[in-house]
Amino acid sequence: MRVLVAIGVLALGVPALGQAGFECPDQLPGFFPHDVSCDKYWACEEGVATLKTCGNGLAFDDTDPNYEKENCDYLHNVQCGQRTELEPPISSPNCPRQYGIFADEANCNTFWSCWAGEANKYECPPGLAYDSEQRVCVWADQVAACKKSEKEGDFQCPAEGNGLGTYSLYAHQEDCRLYYVCMGGAPREYGCPLGTVFKIGDLDGSGQCADPADVPGCEEYYGDLDVKELAMRALGGGSGTSGRVSKQLEPEVERSSALELSRNIQ
């Protein structure tokens, strides 16, 4: 996700007095990178330089060859190069800095989008985890910190060729909502949307998410909870700042085969 920031709100300006070395190249307005700081820059107006600072967690984008754009962007989007210095972090709940996208410290499938210190919670689809290096949702076993330890008796995929096409689906041994996706002989744990459970299909290696009432042995999986209300929440009918990855964040979410699978089985 790339954000163009309203500098007039997020940058603080101070007079250039006492700042060594920088002189505006001409009388024209322009915006120039600081020599050592990635989140500071110089704003020139009529030959007078003012030192400005991007919002905490943002950095000055110096890619405009004409120095006409005043643009602060997320730190991970800016190539700082030799500009290695940054302002100290200003943190708030779930936000190590005031602006940015950050992985949740406790839950692998959760990440936070922070703006002016306010955190919005987002969750990757079941079976995926947020990769803070690639800044996308990927299979959980591809994120080192989220890999589950292998134990004797773990599910093993049947020999290749028993499934449908390039992948096959198998019920979890203990949890009605969970199932395994087998791709290339490797099992990946996945989950049905809230309000549904996994139903084994008629063909080997097939299945779909279904109403618990239609799956023998899983009728009471949700107990006294309102299954229809849970399903509405899963479809985005709930309120609040938390939720599945929105269209606003789509560029940050990998359009992986996992997402395609979720469409195919529902």
Protein backbone atom coordinates (compact mmCIF):
# COMPACT_ATOMS: atom_id res chain seq x y z
CA MET A 1 0.00 0.00 0.00
CA ARG A 2 1.52 3.28 -1.09
CA VAL A 3 0.32 6.50 0.52
CA LEU A 4 0.89 10.07 -0.57
CA VAL A 5 0.92 12.11 2.60
CA ALA A 6 -0.51 15.58 3.15
CA ILE A 7 2.75 17.25 4.12
CA GLY A 8 1.13 20.43 5.40
CA VAL A 9 -0.40 18.38 8.20
CA LEU A 10 2.31 15.79 8.84
CA ALA A 11 5.53 17.79 8.48
CA LEU A 12 6.89 20.21 11.03
CA GLY A 13 8.94 23.15 9.80
CA VAL A 14 11.65 25.04 11.64
CA PRO A 15 13.87 27.91 10.44
CA ALA A 16 17.16 26.88 8.83
CA LEU A 17 19.20 28.96 11.23
CA GLY A 18 21.98 26.92 12.77
CA GLN A 19 21.66 24.14 10.19
CA ALA A 20 25.02 23.63 8.54
CA GLY A 21 25.65 23.60 4.86
CA PHE A 22 22.36 23.72 2.96
CA GLU A 23 21.62 26.54 0.57
CA CYS A 24 18.67 26.69 -1.79
CA PRO A 25 19.95 26.30 -5.35
CA ASP A 26 17.79 29.11 -6.77
CA GLN A 27 14.80 31.34 -6.04
CA LEU A 28 12.31 28.72 -7.25
CA PRO A 29 10.32 26.66 -4.73
CA GLY A 30 11.49 23.08 -4.19
CA PHE A 31 11.90 20.21 -1.73
CA PHE A 32 15.29 18.63 -1.11
CA PRO A 33 16.40 15.61 0.96
CA HIS A 34 18.40 16.07 4.15
CA ASP A 35 21.95 14.79 3.82
CA VAL A 36 21.85 12.34 6.77
CA SER A 37 18.23 12.13 7.95
CA CYS A 38 15.64 10.12 6.02
CA ASP A 39 12.62 11.69 7.68
CA LYS A 40 13.79 15.30 7.30
CA TYR A 41 13.94 17.49 4.21
CA TRP A 42 14.42 21.09 3.13
CA ALA A 43 11.62 23.25 1.76
CA CYS A 44 12.86 26.22 -0.28
CA GLU A 45 10.83 29.34 -0.96
CA GLU A 46 12.36 32.44 -2.55
CA GLY A 47 15.81 31.16 -1.69
CA VAL A 48 15.02 30.62 2.01
CA ALA A 49 15.42 27.04 3.35
CA THR A 50 13.16 25.61 6.06
CA LEU A 51 13.90 22.26 7.67
CA LYS A 52 10.85 20.01 7.90
CA THR A 53 10.22 16.61 9.49
CA CYS A 54 7.83 13.94 8.21
CA GLY A 55 5.32 12.30 10.54
CA ASN A 56 6.77 9.69 12.88
CA GLY A 57 7.08 6.51 10.81
CA LEU A 58 7.26 8.33 7.47
CA ALA A 59 10.27 9.28 5.36
CA PHE A 60 10.92 11.85 2.66
CA ASP A 61 10.67 10.42 -0.86
CA ASP A 62 13.51 12.00 -2.85
CA THR A 63 12.84 10.30 -6.18
CA ASP A 64 11.53 13.42 -7.95
CA PRO A 65 14.43 14.58 -10.18
CA ASN A 66 12.94 18.07 -10.40
CA TYR A 67 12.52 18.47 -6.61
CA GLU A 68 8.96 19.69 -7.07
CA LYS A 69 7.09 17.06 -5.03
CA GLU A 70 6.70 17.33 -1.28
CA ASN A 71 6.02 13.71 -0.40
CA CYS A 72 6.44 11.72 2.80
CA ASP A 73 5.77 7.99 2.51
CA TYR A 74 5.89 4.90 4.69
CA LEU A 75 9.45 4.02 5.72
CA HIS A 76 9.33 0.68 3.92
CA ASN A 77 8.47 2.44 0.64
CA VAL A 78 11.43 4.83 0.73
CA GLN A 79 15.01 4.00 -0.26
CA CYS A 80 16.93 6.01 2.33
CA GLY A 81 20.42 5.10 1.10
CA GLN A 82 22.98 7.16 3.03
CA ARG A 83 20.23 9.01 4.88
CA THR A 84 20.31 6.67 7.87
CA GLU A 85 19.13 8.85 10.75
CA LEU A 86 15.52 8.89 11.96
CA GLU A 87 13.59 10.63 14.70
CA PRO A 88 13.05 8.45 17.83
CA PRO A 89 9.88 6.31 17.68
CA ILE A 90 6.68 7.72 19.16
CA SER A 91 4.56 4.72 20.07
CA SER A 92 0.93 4.12 20.97
CA PRO A 93 -1.05 0.89 21.50
CA ASN A 94 -0.23 -1.52 18.61
CA CYS A 95 1.71 1.26 16.83
CA PRO A 96 5.52 1.22 17.28
CA ARG A 97 5.48 4.50 15.31
CA GLN A 98 2.64 6.89 14.60
CA TYR A 99 2.42 5.89 10.93
CA GLY A 100 2.99 2.50 9.33
CA ILE A 101 1.81 -1.08 8.96
CA PHE A 102 2.92 -3.41 11.74
CA ALA A 103 2.56 -7.10 12.56
CA ASP A 104 0.72 -8.04 15.73
CA GLU A 105 3.11 -9.25 18.43
CA ALA A 106 0.87 -12.11 19.55
CA ASN A 107 -1.20 -13.23 16.53
CA CYS A 108 0.45 -14.22 13.28
CA ASN A 109 -2.63 -13.56 11.15
CA THR A 110 -3.16 -10.03 12.47
CA PHE A 111 -1.58 -6.72 11.48
CA TRP A 112 -2.24 -3.07 12.27
CA SER A 113 -2.46 -0.03 10.04
CA CYS A 114 -1.45 3.03 12.05
CA TRP A 115 -2.33 6.60 11.13
CA ALA A 116 -1.58 9.48 13.50
CA GLY A 117 -1.13 6.90 16.26
CA GLU A 118 -4.56 5.32 15.79
CA ALA A 119 -4.47 1.60 15.02
CA ASN A 120 -6.89 -0.23 12.70
CA LYS A 121 -6.85 -4.00 13.00
CA TYR A 122 -6.82 -6.31 9.97
CA GLU A 123 -6.72 -10.09 9.74
CA CYS A 124 -5.38 -12.35 7.03
CA PRO A 125 -7.76 -15.08 5.81
CA PRO A 126 -7.65 -18.37 7.76
CA GLY A 127 -4.48 -20.34 7.11
CA LEU A 128 -2.46 -17.27 6.18
CA ALA A 129 -0.09 -15.14 8.25
CA TYR A 130 1.20 -11.60 7.85
CA ASP A 131 4.78 -11.45 6.59
CA SER A 132 6.29 -8.22 7.90
CA GLU A 133 9.18 -8.39 5.40
CA GLN A 134 7.09 -8.83 2.24
CA ARG A 135 4.16 -6.95 3.84
CA VAL A 136 1.63 -9.41 2.46
CA CYS A 137 -0.45 -12.30 3.75
CA VAL A 138 1.16 -15.63 2.86
CA TRP A 139 0.80 -19.28 3.91
CA ALA A 140 1.53 -19.44 7.64
CA ASP A 141 4.26 -22.03 7.17
CA GLN A 142 6.17 -19.55 4.99
CA VAL A 143 6.59 -17.16 7.94
CA ALA A 144 9.37 -18.41 10.19
CA ALA A 145 7.87 -17.05 13.40
CA CYS A 146 4.52 -18.70 12.64
CA LYS A 147 5.62 -22.20 11.73
CA LYS A 148 4.07 -24.85 13.92
CA SER A 149 6.44 -27.41 15.36
CA GLU A 150 6.15 -30.79 13.69
CA LYS A 151 4.94 -33.51 16.01
CA GLU A 152 4.60 -37.24 15.48
CA GLY A 153 1.11 -38.04 14.29
CA ASP A 154 0.59 -34.73 12.45
CA PHE A 155 -1.56 -34.91 9.36
CA GLN A 156 0.22 -36.17 6.27
CA CYS A 157 -1.06 -35.72 2.77
CA PRO A 158 -1.98 -38.86 0.85
CA ALA A 159 0.15 -39.84 -2.12
CA GLU A 160 -0.08 -37.39 -5.00
CA GLY A 161 -2.69 -38.15 -7.58
CA ASN A 162 -5.57 -38.74 -5.15
CA GLY A 163 -6.72 -35.14 -5.16
CA LEU A 164 -8.48 -32.92 -7.64
CA GLY A 165 -6.20 -31.00 -9.97
CA THR A 166 -3.24 -29.36 -8.27
CA TYR A 167 -4.57 -29.50 -4.70
CA SER A 168 -6.81 -31.59 -2.48
CA LEU A 169 -8.83 -30.90 0.68
CA TYR A 170 -9.08 -33.04 3.82
CA ALA A 171 -10.95 -32.65 7.09
CA HIS A 172 -9.11 -31.79 10.29
CA GLN A 173 -8.98 -34.64 12.78
CA GLU A 174 -10.23 -32.63 15.77
CA ASP A 175 -11.79 -29.33 14.66
CA CYS A 176 -14.88 -29.26 12.43
CA ARG A 177 -14.12 -25.78 11.10
CA LEU A 178 -10.55 -26.56 10.04
CA TYR A 179 -9.27 -28.56 7.10
CA TYR A 180 -6.04 -29.24 5.26
CA VAL A 181 -5.06 -28.11 1.80
CA CYS A 182 -2.53 -30.48 0.25
CA MET A 183 -0.31 -28.97 -2.44
CA GLY A 184 2.81 -30.74 -3.65
CA GLY A 185 2.47 -33.26 -0.83
CA ALA A 186 2.67 -30.56 1.87
CA PRO A 187 -0.33 -29.96 4.18
CA ARG A 188 -1.42 -26.45 5.06
CA GLU A 189 -4.03 -25.83 7.73
CA TYR A 190 -6.93 -23.67 6.60
CA GLY A 191 -10.30 -22.71 8.05
CA CYS A 192 -13.89 -22.16 7.01
CA PRO A 193 -15.58 -18.78 7.60
CA LEU A 194 -17.27 -18.25 10.95
CA GLY A 195 -20.67 -19.87 11.04
CA THR A 196 -19.65 -22.79 8.81
CA VAL A 197 -17.72 -26.04 9.11
CA PHE A 198 -15.87 -28.22 6.63
CA LYS A 199 -17.93 -30.85 4.83
CA ILE A 200 -16.15 -33.71 3.09
CA GLY A 201 -17.07 -33.93 -0.59
CA ASP A 202 -18.30 -36.90 -2.58
CA LEU A 203 -14.94 -37.27 -4.37
CA ASP A 204 -11.73 -38.09 -2.58
CA GLY A 205 -9.77 -34.94 -1.76
CA SER A 206 -12.75 -32.63 -2.19
CA GLY A 207 -14.91 -30.65 0.21
CA GLN A 208 -16.63 -27.37 0.93
CA CYS A 209 -17.66 -25.13 3.80
CA ALA A 210 -21.25 -25.78 4.82
CA ASP A 211 -23.89 -25.19 7.47
CA PRO A 212 -23.07 -27.23 10.62
CA ALA A 213 -26.54 -28.76 10.47
CA ASP A 214 -25.58 -30.43 7.19
CA VAL A 215 -22.40 -32.05 8.54
CA PRO A 216 -22.87 -35.17 10.70
CA GLY A 217 -20.98 -34.88 13.95
CA CYS A 218 -20.55 -31.11 13.69
CA GLU A 219 -24.13 -30.00 14.29
CA GLU A 220 -23.32 -28.56 17.73
CA TYR A 221 -19.92 -27.09 16.83
CA TYR A 222 -21.00 -23.52 17.62
CA GLY A 223 -23.17 -24.47 20.60
CA ASP A 224 -25.68 -21.75 21.50
CA LEU A 225 -24.04 -19.08 19.34
CA ASP A 226 -26.11 -17.51 16.58
CA VAL A 227 -24.62 -19.11 13.46
CA LYS A 228 -26.32 -16.65 11.09
CA GLU A 229 -24.87 -13.69 13.00
CA LEU A 230 -21.39 -15.25 12.88
CA ALA A 231 -21.73 -15.75 9.13
CA MET A 232 -22.75 -12.10 8.69
CA ARG A 233 -19.65 -10.98 10.61
CA ALA A 234 -17.46 -13.15 8.42
CA LEU A 235 -18.93 -11.46 5.36
CA GLY A 236 -18.15 -8.02 6.77
CA GLY A 237 -21.50 -7.25 8.33
CA GLY A 238 -20.04 -6.41 11.73
CA SER A 239 -19.01 -2.99 13.01
CA GLY A 240 -15.82 -1.52 14.39
CA THR A 241 -12.34 -0.99 13.05
CA SER A 242 -11.36 -4.65 12.81
CA GLY A 243 -12.04 -6.89 9.85
CA ARG A 244 -10.71 -8.80 6.92
CA VAL A 245 -8.32 -7.10 4.55
CA SER A 246 -10.22 -4.30 2.84
CA LYS A 247 -9.96 -3.01 -0.72
CA GLN A 248 -7.89 -0.16 0.67
CA LEU A 249 -5.16 -2.65 1.61
CA GLU A 250 -5.45 -4.97 -1.39
CA PRO A 251 -2.04 -3.95 -2.81
CA GLU A 252 -0.49 -5.24 0.45
CA VAL A 253 -2.21 -8.65 0.25
CA GLU A 254 -0.80 -11.44 -1.87
CA ARG A 255 -3.29 -12.70 -4.43
CA SER A 256 -2.19 -16.21 -3.69
CA SER A 257 -3.66 -19.58 -4.49
CA ALA A 258 -4.99 -19.62 -0.94
CA LEU A 259 -7.39 -16.80 -1.71
CA GLU A 260 -8.49 -18.56 -4.86
CA LEU A 261 -9.12 -21.72 -2.84
CA SER A 262 -11.29 -19.80 -0.40
CA ARG A 263 -13.46 -18.66 -3.30
CA ASN A 264 -13.69 -22.13 -4.82
CA ILE A 265 -14.84 -23.99 -1.73
CA GLN A 266 -17.50 -21.57 -0.50
